[in-house]
Amino acid sequence: MPTNVKEFNEYRAKMNEKILASDNKVIKRIYNLDTNTFKAGHLPEKTKELLGLVASAVLRCDDCIAYHLETAYKNGVTKEEMMETMSIATLVGGTIVIPHLRRAVEFWELLENE
């Protein structure tokens, strides 16, 4: 996990800029799909971010977990809601998710102390 939220966001922005500069149509479409998927629709953004958090935890992607945690936090998710969401992810993904749960709680604390 990054040592702070700013470091995570700066690295993500820098690398996304480099990736998108490759002008690859498939990658640009995937990024666009991702952006549009998490916009409010029949489900509110908050719910979609929590769903993304579960999927990211089950897939054990720490960058994705951090992204969804930050976006969920900005959408008003409480620590209790986040922990309940991560409990679902741990149940679905099994005990192998526990190290990612630890890092998720650590990143959440960074968000709270920002």
C-alpha atoms as a PDB file:
ATOM      1  CA  MET A   1       0.000   0.000   0.000  1.00  0.00           C
ATOM      2  CA  PRO A   2       1.192   3.548  -0.619  1.00  0.00           C
ATOM      3  CA  THR A   3       2.357   5.464   2.413  1.00  0.00           C
ATOM      4  CA  ASN A   4      -0.264   8.157   1.784  1.00  0.00           C
ATOM      5  CA  VAL A   5      -3.293   8.939  -0.351  1.00  0.00           C
ATOM      6  CA  LYS A   6      -1.540  11.694  -2.294  1.00  0.00           C
ATOM      7  CA  GLU A   7       1.304   9.338  -3.293  1.00  0.00           C
ATOM      8  CA  PHE A   8      -1.208   6.745  -4.502  1.00  0.00           C
ATOM      9  CA  ASN A   9      -3.149   9.290  -6.581  1.00  0.00           C
ATOM     10  CA  GLU A  10      -0.023  10.887  -8.075  1.00  0.00           C
ATOM     11  CA  TYR A  11       1.369   7.520  -9.149  1.00  0.00           C
ATOM     12  CA  ARG A  12      -1.994   6.415 -10.562  1.00  0.00           C
ATOM     13  CA  ALA A  13      -2.433   9.667 -12.521  1.00  0.00           C
ATOM     14  CA  LYS A  14       1.125   9.559 -13.869  1.00  0.00           C
ATOM     15  CA  MET A  15       0.859   5.977 -15.060  1.00  0.00           C
ATOM     16  CA  ASN A  16      -2.655   6.417 -16.486  1.00  0.00           C
ATOM     17  CA  GLU A  17      -1.363   9.381 -18.484  1.00  0.00           C
ATOM     18  CA  LYS A  18       1.464   7.255 -19.896  1.00  0.00           C
ATOM     19  CA  ILE A  19      -0.878   4.369 -20.676  1.00  0.00           C
ATOM     20  CA  LEU A  20      -3.448   6.568 -22.405  1.00  0.00           C
ATOM     21  CA  ALA A  21      -0.677   8.327 -24.372  1.00  0.00           C
ATOM     22  CA  SER A  22      -0.070   5.019 -26.145  1.00  0.00           C
ATOM     23  CA  ASP A  23      -3.290   5.824 -28.026  1.00  0.00           C
ATOM     24  CA  ASN A  24      -4.452   2.195 -27.927  1.00  0.00           C
ATOM     25  CA  LYS A  25      -8.136   2.043 -28.854  1.00  0.00           C
ATOM     26  CA  VAL A  26      -8.898  -1.055 -26.758  1.00  0.00           C
ATOM     27  CA  ILE A  27      -7.277   0.363 -23.615  1.00  0.00           C
ATOM     28  CA  LYS A  28      -9.080   3.698 -24.081  1.00  0.00           C
ATOM     29  CA  ARG A  29     -12.392   1.877 -24.431  1.00  0.00           C
ATOM     30  CA  ILE A  30     -11.758  -0.194 -21.299  1.00  0.00           C
ATOM     31  CA  TYR A  31     -10.923   2.972 -19.324  1.00  0.00           C
ATOM     32  CA  ASN A  32     -14.099   4.612 -20.676  1.00  0.00           C
ATOM     33  CA  LEU A  33     -16.213   1.593 -19.743  1.00  0.00           C
ATOM     34  CA  ASP A  34     -14.767   1.651 -16.244  1.00  0.00           C
ATOM     35  CA  THR A  35     -15.514   5.363 -15.836  1.00  0.00           C
ATOM     36  CA  ASN A  36     -19.070   5.052 -17.103  1.00  0.00           C
ATOM     37  CA  THR A  37     -19.837   1.894 -15.143  1.00  0.00           C
ATOM     38  CA  PHE A  38     -19.334   3.597 -11.793  1.00  0.00           C
ATOM     39  CA  LYS A  39     -21.498   6.646 -12.566  1.00  0.00           C
ATOM     40  CA  ALA A  40     -24.896   6.828 -10.892  1.00  0.00           C
ATOM     41  CA  GLY A  41     -27.608   4.909 -12.714  1.00  0.00           C
ATOM     42  CA  HIS A  42     -30.221   2.577 -11.293  1.00  0.00           C
ATOM     43  CA  LEU A  43     -27.728   2.053  -8.477  1.00  0.00           C
ATOM     44  CA  PRO A  44     -26.199   5.050  -6.705  1.00  0.00           C
ATOM     45  CA  GLU A  45     -22.449   5.651  -7.008  1.00  0.00           C
ATOM     46  CA  LYS A  46     -21.942   4.725  -3.353  1.00  0.00           C
ATOM     47  CA  THR A  47     -23.420   1.253  -3.943  1.00  0.00           C
ATOM     48  CA  LYS A  48     -21.416   0.738  -7.123  1.00  0.00           C
ATOM     49  CA  GLU A  49     -18.173   1.635  -5.337  1.00  0.00           C
ATOM     50  CA  LEU A  50     -18.924  -0.880  -2.596  1.00  0.00           C
ATOM     51  CA  LEU A  51     -19.618  -3.535  -5.231  1.00  0.00           C
ATOM     52  CA  GLY A  52     -16.321  -2.623  -6.882  1.00  0.00           C
ATOM     53  CA  LEU A  53     -14.621  -2.906  -3.505  1.00  0.00           C
ATOM     54  CA  VAL A  54     -15.942  -6.440  -2.992  1.00  0.00           C
ATOM     55  CA  ALA A  55     -14.864  -7.523  -6.463  1.00  0.00           C
ATOM     56  CA  SER A  56     -11.432  -5.936  -6.042  1.00  0.00           C
ATOM     57  CA  ALA A  57     -10.890  -7.595  -2.679  1.00  0.00           C
ATOM     58  CA  VAL A  58     -11.965 -11.015  -3.976  1.00  0.00           C
ATOM     59  CA  LEU A  59      -9.611 -10.550  -6.944  1.00  0.00           C
ATOM     60  CA  ARG A  60      -6.920  -9.373  -4.480  1.00  0.00           C
ATOM     61  CA  CYS A  61      -6.038  -6.155  -6.317  1.00  0.00           C
ATOM     62  CA  ASP A  62      -4.673  -3.701  -3.739  1.00  0.00           C
ATOM     63  CA  ASP A  63      -4.570  -0.772  -6.209  1.00  0.00           C
ATOM     64  CA  CYS A  64      -8.223  -1.388  -7.072  1.00  0.00           C
ATOM     65  CA  ILE A  65      -9.135  -1.715  -3.396  1.00  0.00           C
ATOM     66  CA  ALA A  66      -7.459   1.623  -2.635  1.00  0.00           C
ATOM     67  CA  TYR A  67      -9.215   3.300  -5.566  1.00  0.00           C
ATOM     68  CA  HIS A  68     -12.650   2.025  -4.520  1.00  0.00           C
ATOM     69  CA  LEU A  69     -11.994   2.855  -0.871  1.00  0.00           C
ATOM     70  CA  GLU A  70     -11.130   6.442  -1.714  1.00  0.00           C
ATOM     71  CA  THR A  71     -14.078   6.884  -4.058  1.00  0.00           C
ATOM     72  CA  ALA A  72     -16.430   5.252  -1.554  1.00  0.00           C
ATOM     73  CA  TYR A  73     -15.079   7.516   1.194  1.00  0.00           C
ATOM     74  CA  LYS A  74     -15.717  10.570  -0.996  1.00  0.00           C
ATOM     75  CA  ASN A  75     -19.261   9.279  -1.598  1.00  0.00           C
ATOM     76  CA  GLY A  76     -20.002   9.234   2.130  1.00  0.00           C
ATOM     77  CA  VAL A  77     -19.383   5.592   2.978  1.00  0.00           C
ATOM     78  CA  THR A  78     -18.860   5.169   6.712  1.00  0.00           C
ATOM     79  CA  LYS A  79     -16.200   2.997   8.290  1.00  0.00           C
ATOM     80  CA  GLU A  80     -18.937   0.619   9.442  1.00  0.00           C
ATOM     81  CA  GLU A  81     -20.280   0.293   5.879  1.00  0.00           C
ATOM     82  CA  MET A  82     -16.764  -0.286   4.568  1.00  0.00           C
ATOM     83  CA  MET A  83     -16.087  -2.971   7.184  1.00  0.00           C
ATOM     84  CA  GLU A  84     -19.375  -4.719   6.413  1.00  0.00           C
ATOM     85  CA  THR A  85     -18.517  -4.622   2.716  1.00  0.00           C
ATOM     86  CA  MET A  86     -15.063  -6.063   3.404  1.00  0.00           C
ATOM     87  CA  SER A  87     -16.640  -8.773   5.572  1.00  0.00           C
ATOM     88  CA  ILE A  88     -18.696  -9.842   2.551  1.00  0.00           C
ATOM     89  CA  ALA A  89     -15.556  -9.801   0.397  1.00  0.00           C
ATOM     90  CA  THR A  90     -13.702 -11.933   2.948  1.00  0.00           C
ATOM     91  CA  LEU A  91     -16.564 -14.394   3.144  1.00  0.00           C
ATOM     92  CA  VAL A  92     -16.774 -14.678  -0.656  1.00  0.00           C
ATOM     93  CA  GLY A  93     -13.013 -14.670  -1.260  1.00  0.00           C
ATOM     94  CA  GLY A  94     -11.981 -16.721   1.749  1.00  0.00           C
ATOM     95  CA  THR A  95      -9.202 -16.216   4.237  1.00  0.00           C
ATOM     96  CA  ILE A  96      -6.726 -15.414   1.450  1.00  0.00           C
ATOM     97  CA  VAL A  97      -8.398 -11.968   1.386  1.00  0.00           C
ATOM     98  CA  ILE A  98      -7.364 -11.203   4.995  1.00  0.00           C
ATOM     99  CA  PRO A  99      -4.006  -9.573   4.069  1.00  0.00           C
ATOM    100  CA  HIS A 100      -5.928  -7.298   1.666  1.00  0.00           C
ATOM    101  CA  LEU A 101      -8.429  -6.556   4.432  1.00  0.00           C
ATOM    102  CA  ARG A 102      -5.531  -5.420   6.613  1.00  0.00           C
ATOM    103  CA  ARG A 103      -4.228  -3.101   3.893  1.00  0.00           C
ATOM    104  CA  ALA A 104      -7.759  -1.829   3.214  1.00  0.00           C
ATOM    105  CA  VAL A 105      -8.192  -0.853   6.856  1.00  0.00           C
ATOM    106  CA  GLU A 106      -4.761   0.791   6.793  1.00  0.00           C
ATOM    107  CA  PHE A 107      -5.663   2.796   3.659  1.00  0.00           C
ATOM    108  CA  TRP A 108      -9.044   3.766   5.152  1.00  0.00           C
ATOM    109  CA  GLU A 109      -7.191   5.184   8.158  1.00  0.00           C
ATOM    110  CA  LEU A 110      -5.057   7.239   5.762  1.00  0.00           C
ATOM    111  CA  LEU A 111      -8.251   8.597   4.196  1.00  0.00           C
ATOM    112  CA  GLU A 112      -9.687   9.461   7.601  1.00  0.00           C
ATOM    113  CA  ASN A 113      -6.498  11.257   8.629  1.00  0.00           C
ATOM    114  CA  GLU A 114      -6.030  13.156   5.390  1.00  0.00           C
END
